[in-house]
Amino acid sequence: MNLWVRVRDESAGVYGLRAYGWWVAAGARFRLACEPGVCLSIAEIEPADAVRLASDFAVVLGESEATYGGIDQARLRARSS
């Protein structure tokens, strides 16, 4: 079973998850007319690994939003303090 997760920046998602030890594919070669995303094959994932994947993905998505989303959110918050 494959899972498609939309992301703002495919490269950030792929390389971010690879840094945590997950091997995922950028969605560019799979999509015809949809938003950017990553493709995860999760057919044989164990429940404990699914929890770790979700946690790692949340961290990566947060990092990619801050770094690749066009505005560095951490700097923006620091300036407004």
C-alpha atoms as a PDB file:
ATOM      1  CA  MET A   1       0.000   0.000   0.000  1.00  0.00           C
ATOM      2  CA  ASN A   2       1.276   3.448  -0.879  1.00  0.00           C
ATOM      3  CA  LEU A   3       0.504   6.651   0.941  1.00  0.00           C
ATOM      4  CA  TRP A   4       0.645  10.061  -0.731  1.00  0.00           C
ATOM      5  CA  VAL A   5       1.403  13.004   1.557  1.00  0.00           C
ATOM      6  CA  ARG A   6       1.250  16.508   0.170  1.00  0.00           C
ATOM      7  CA  VAL A   7       4.186  18.731   1.087  1.00  0.00           C
ATOM      8  CA  ARG A   8       5.192  22.246   0.164  1.00  0.00           C
ATOM      9  CA  ASP A   9       8.698  21.218  -0.923  1.00  0.00           C
ATOM     10  CA  GLU A  10       9.313  17.656  -2.126  1.00  0.00           C
ATOM     11  CA  SER A  11      13.090  17.848  -1.834  1.00  0.00           C
ATOM     12  CA  ALA A  12      12.900  19.052   1.762  1.00  0.00           C
ATOM     13  CA  GLY A  13      10.488  16.242   2.613  1.00  0.00           C
ATOM     14  CA  VAL A  14      12.531  13.522   0.925  1.00  0.00           C
ATOM     15  CA  TYR A  15      15.924  14.573   2.266  1.00  0.00           C
ATOM     16  CA  GLY A  16      14.533  15.383   5.679  1.00  0.00           C
ATOM     17  CA  LEU A  17      13.016  11.904   6.055  1.00  0.00           C
ATOM     18  CA  ARG A  18      16.155  10.281   4.691  1.00  0.00           C
ATOM     19  CA  ALA A  19      18.106  12.027   7.456  1.00  0.00           C
ATOM     20  CA  TYR A  20      15.902  10.122   9.913  1.00  0.00           C
ATOM     21  CA  GLY A  21      16.514   6.826   8.116  1.00  0.00           C
ATOM     22  CA  TRP A  22      13.325   6.649   6.025  1.00  0.00           C
ATOM     23  CA  TRP A  23      13.498   6.038   2.296  1.00  0.00           C
ATOM     24  CA  VAL A  24      10.713   7.878   0.465  1.00  0.00           C
ATOM     25  CA  ALA A  25      10.192   8.959  -3.116  1.00  0.00           C
ATOM     26  CA  ALA A  26       9.506  12.457  -4.391  1.00  0.00           C
ATOM     27  CA  GLY A  27       6.083  12.549  -5.953  1.00  0.00           C
ATOM     28  CA  ALA A  28       7.041  14.362  -9.168  1.00  0.00           C
ATOM     29  CA  ARG A  29       7.383  11.180 -11.205  1.00  0.00           C
ATOM     30  CA  PHE A  30       4.050   9.793  -9.956  1.00  0.00           C
ATOM     31  CA  ARG A  31       1.685  12.742 -10.277  1.00  0.00           C
ATOM     32  CA  LEU A  32      -0.156  14.095 -13.266  1.00  0.00           C
ATOM     33  CA  ALA A  33      -2.021  17.108 -11.921  1.00  0.00           C
ATOM     34  CA  CYS A  34      -1.863  17.447  -8.167  1.00  0.00           C
ATOM     35  CA  GLU A  35       0.090  19.227  -5.486  1.00  0.00           C
ATOM     36  CA  PRO A  36       3.706  18.308  -4.620  1.00  0.00           C
ATOM     37  CA  GLY A  37       4.024  15.332  -2.316  1.00  0.00           C
ATOM     38  CA  VAL A  38       6.021  12.325  -1.232  1.00  0.00           C
ATOM     39  CA  CYS A  39       5.115   8.699  -1.770  1.00  0.00           C
ATOM     40  CA  LEU A  40       5.475   6.278   1.139  1.00  0.00           C
ATOM     41  CA  SER A  41       5.191   2.512   0.745  1.00  0.00           C
ATOM     42  CA  ILE A  42       3.723   1.381   4.054  1.00  0.00           C
ATOM     43  CA  ALA A  43       2.356  -2.102   3.290  1.00  0.00           C
ATOM     44  CA  GLU A  44       4.617  -3.885   5.764  1.00  0.00           C
ATOM     45  CA  ILE A  45       5.205  -1.196   8.368  1.00  0.00           C
ATOM     46  CA  GLU A  46       4.868  -2.265  12.001  1.00  0.00           C
ATOM     47  CA  PRO A  47       2.638  -0.160  14.287  1.00  0.00           C
ATOM     48  CA  ALA A  48       5.583   1.092  16.373  1.00  0.00           C
ATOM     49  CA  ASP A  49       7.419   2.109  13.204  1.00  0.00           C
ATOM     50  CA  ALA A  50       4.304   3.903  11.940  1.00  0.00           C
ATOM     51  CA  VAL A  51       4.280   6.004  15.110  1.00  0.00           C
ATOM     52  CA  ARG A  52       7.975   6.826  14.672  1.00  0.00           C
ATOM     53  CA  LEU A  53       7.430   7.683  10.988  1.00  0.00           C
ATOM     54  CA  ALA A  54       4.566  10.036  11.865  1.00  0.00           C
ATOM     55  CA  SER A  55       6.678  11.721  14.535  1.00  0.00           C
ATOM     56  CA  ASP A  56       9.690  12.085  12.245  1.00  0.00           C
ATOM     57  CA  PHE A  57       7.485  13.381   9.443  1.00  0.00           C
ATOM     58  CA  ALA A  58       5.975  16.016  11.730  1.00  0.00           C
ATOM     59  CA  VAL A  59       9.462  17.261  12.587  1.00  0.00           C
ATOM     60  CA  VAL A  60      10.528  17.294   8.934  1.00  0.00           C
ATOM     61  CA  LEU A  61       7.386  19.121   7.833  1.00  0.00           C
ATOM     62  CA  GLY A  62       7.938  21.715  10.536  1.00  0.00           C
ATOM     63  CA  GLU A  63      11.534  22.192   9.448  1.00  0.00           C
ATOM     64  CA  SER A  64      10.642  22.418   5.768  1.00  0.00           C
ATOM     65  CA  GLU A  65       7.899  24.967   6.440  1.00  0.00           C
ATOM     66  CA  ALA A  66      10.347  27.131   8.380  1.00  0.00           C
ATOM     67  CA  THR A  67      13.232  26.739   5.953  1.00  0.00           C
ATOM     68  CA  TYR A  68      11.700  26.193   2.537  1.00  0.00           C
ATOM     69  CA  GLY A  69       8.322  27.860   2.880  1.00  0.00           C
ATOM     70  CA  GLY A  70       9.571  31.235   1.733  1.00  0.00           C
ATOM     71  CA  ILE A  71       9.731  32.773   5.210  1.00  0.00           C
ATOM     72  CA  ASP A  72      11.931  31.600   8.043  1.00  0.00           C
ATOM     73  CA  GLN A  73       9.223  31.346  10.713  1.00  0.00           C
ATOM     74  CA  ALA A  74      11.702  31.212  13.616  1.00  0.00           C
ATOM     75  CA  ARG A  75      13.314  34.488  12.533  1.00  0.00           C
ATOM     76  CA  LEU A  76       9.920  36.062  12.017  1.00  0.00           C
ATOM     77  CA  ARG A  77       8.854  35.100  15.567  1.00  0.00           C
ATOM     78  CA  ALA A  78      12.148  36.372  16.998  1.00  0.00           C
ATOM     79  CA  ARG A  79      11.693  39.752  15.313  1.00  0.00           C
ATOM     80  CA  SER A  80       8.160  40.176  16.624  1.00  0.00           C
ATOM     81  CA  SER A  81       9.187  39.434  20.242  1.00  0.00           C
END
